[in-house]
Amino acid sequence: MPEFWAEATNSIEIVKKSKSERTKSHQLRNDIDNVINAIVHEISEAWAKTNQALDRRVAEMLEAKEKLQTHLHKVTFLLTKKLGCKIIVRVCKFLSIL
């Protein structure tokens, strides 16, 4: 009879330990899900900020390009008007600036 009780007691301990391990496993899965969700959120924010910065930089570059082209046209116009040289227009056309 003592062997039976020893086995029964051992079985109860095994069941308790199993339940405890399942609880720990469940908590670990929840923790992992939380970390993954936090990382996804951080990556999404970083992606959005990078896109915003890139959009700003593209806008700055386009604005700078437009200012340079406007300035080039003014300079070209003044040079051709002042010097009366059509050679400047030919050179600019050759260089595909106008």
Protein backbone atom coordinates (compact mmCIF):
# COMPACT_ATOMS: atom_id res chain seq x y z
CA MET A 1 0.00 0.00 0.00
CA PRO A 2 2.75 2.56 0.70
CA GLU A 3 3.97 2.27 -2.91
CA PHE A 4 0.53 3.19 -4.18
CA TRP A 5 0.45 6.32 -2.00
CA ALA A 6 3.95 7.22 -3.04
CA GLU A 7 2.99 6.95 -6.69
CA ALA A 8 -0.23 8.92 -6.11
CA THR A 9 1.66 11.64 -4.27
CA ASN A 10 4.26 11.69 -7.03
CA SER A 11 1.49 11.94 -9.66
CA ILE A 12 -0.09 14.88 -7.84
CA GLU A 13 3.30 16.66 -7.76
CA ILE A 14 3.77 15.97 -11.47
CA VAL A 15 0.35 17.43 -12.24
CA LYS A 16 1.09 20.52 -10.10
CA LYS A 17 4.45 20.99 -11.80
CA SER A 18 2.86 20.52 -15.23
CA LYS A 19 0.24 23.16 -14.45
CA SER A 20 2.92 25.54 -13.19
CA GLU A 21 5.04 25.01 -16.33
CA ARG A 22 2.02 25.57 -18.59
CA THR A 23 1.30 28.85 -16.77
CA LYS A 24 4.92 29.95 -17.19
CA SER A 25 4.82 28.97 -20.86
CA HIS A 26 1.62 30.94 -21.41
CA GLN A 27 3.14 34.02 -19.72
CA LEU A 28 6.30 33.67 -21.81
CA ARG A 29 4.24 33.56 -25.02
CA ASN A 30 2.37 36.69 -23.90
CA ASP A 31 5.66 38.46 -23.15
CA ILE A 32 7.04 37.49 -26.56
CA ASP A 33 3.88 38.76 -28.29
CA ASN A 34 4.17 42.05 -26.42
CA VAL A 35 7.82 42.48 -27.39
CA ILE A 36 7.09 41.64 -31.04
CA ASN A 37 4.19 44.13 -31.11
CA ALA A 38 6.40 46.83 -29.57
CA ILE A 39 9.12 46.19 -32.15
CA VAL A 40 6.61 46.32 -35.01
CA HIS A 41 5.32 49.64 -33.66
CA GLU A 42 8.85 51.07 -33.38
CA ILE A 43 9.76 49.93 -36.89
CA SER A 44 6.56 51.45 -38.29
CA GLU A 45 7.30 54.76 -36.58
CA ALA A 46 10.89 54.76 -37.85
CA TRP A 47 9.68 53.96 -41.37
CA ALA A 48 7.16 56.82 -41.26
CA LYS A 49 9.76 59.29 -39.95
CA THR A 50 12.24 58.21 -42.63
CA ASN A 51 9.64 58.72 -45.34
CA GLN A 52 8.76 62.15 -43.98
CA ALA A 53 12.43 63.15 -43.92
CA LEU A 54 12.91 61.86 -47.44
CA ASP A 55 9.83 63.76 -48.66
CA ARG A 56 11.19 66.97 -47.08
CA ARG A 57 14.59 66.42 -48.69
CA VAL A 58 13.04 65.79 -52.11
CA ALA A 59 10.99 68.99 -51.77
CA GLU A 60 14.14 70.92 -50.79
CA MET A 61 16.03 69.53 -53.77
CA LEU A 62 13.23 70.38 -56.19
CA GLU A 63 13.01 73.91 -54.78
CA ALA A 64 16.79 74.35 -55.08
CA LYS A 65 16.72 73.01 -58.65
CA GLU A 66 13.93 75.41 -59.61
CA LYS A 67 15.80 78.37 -58.08
CA LEU A 68 18.97 77.41 -59.95
CA GLN A 69 17.10 77.06 -63.23
CA THR A 70 15.39 80.42 -62.73
CA HIS A 71 18.72 82.04 -61.94
CA LEU A 72 20.33 80.41 -64.98
CA HIS A 73 17.58 81.70 -67.26
CA LYS A 74 17.96 85.22 -65.84
CA VAL A 75 21.72 85.14 -66.30
CA THR A 76 21.41 83.73 -69.80
CA PHE A 77 18.81 86.35 -70.70
CA LEU A 78 20.94 89.20 -69.33
CA LEU A 79 24.06 87.95 -71.09
CA THR A 80 22.35 87.59 -74.43
CA LYS A 81 20.63 90.97 -74.04
CA LYS A 82 23.74 92.77 -72.87
CA LEU A 83 26.26 91.15 -75.15
CA GLY A 84 23.94 90.62 -78.06
CA CYS A 85 25.60 87.26 -78.55
CA LYS A 86 23.60 84.45 -79.94
CA ILE A 87 26.52 82.18 -79.22
CA ILE A 88 25.46 81.97 -75.58
CA VAL A 89 22.05 80.66 -76.58
CA ARG A 90 23.66 78.13 -78.91
CA VAL A 91 26.03 76.92 -76.18
CA CYS A 92 23.17 76.64 -73.68
CA LYS A 93 21.05 74.71 -76.17
CA PHE A 94 23.98 72.48 -76.94
CA LEU A 95 24.37 71.78 -73.24
CA SER A 96 20.59 71.27 -72.99
CA ILE A 97 20.23 73.94 -70.34
CA LEU A 98 17.47 75.98 -71.96
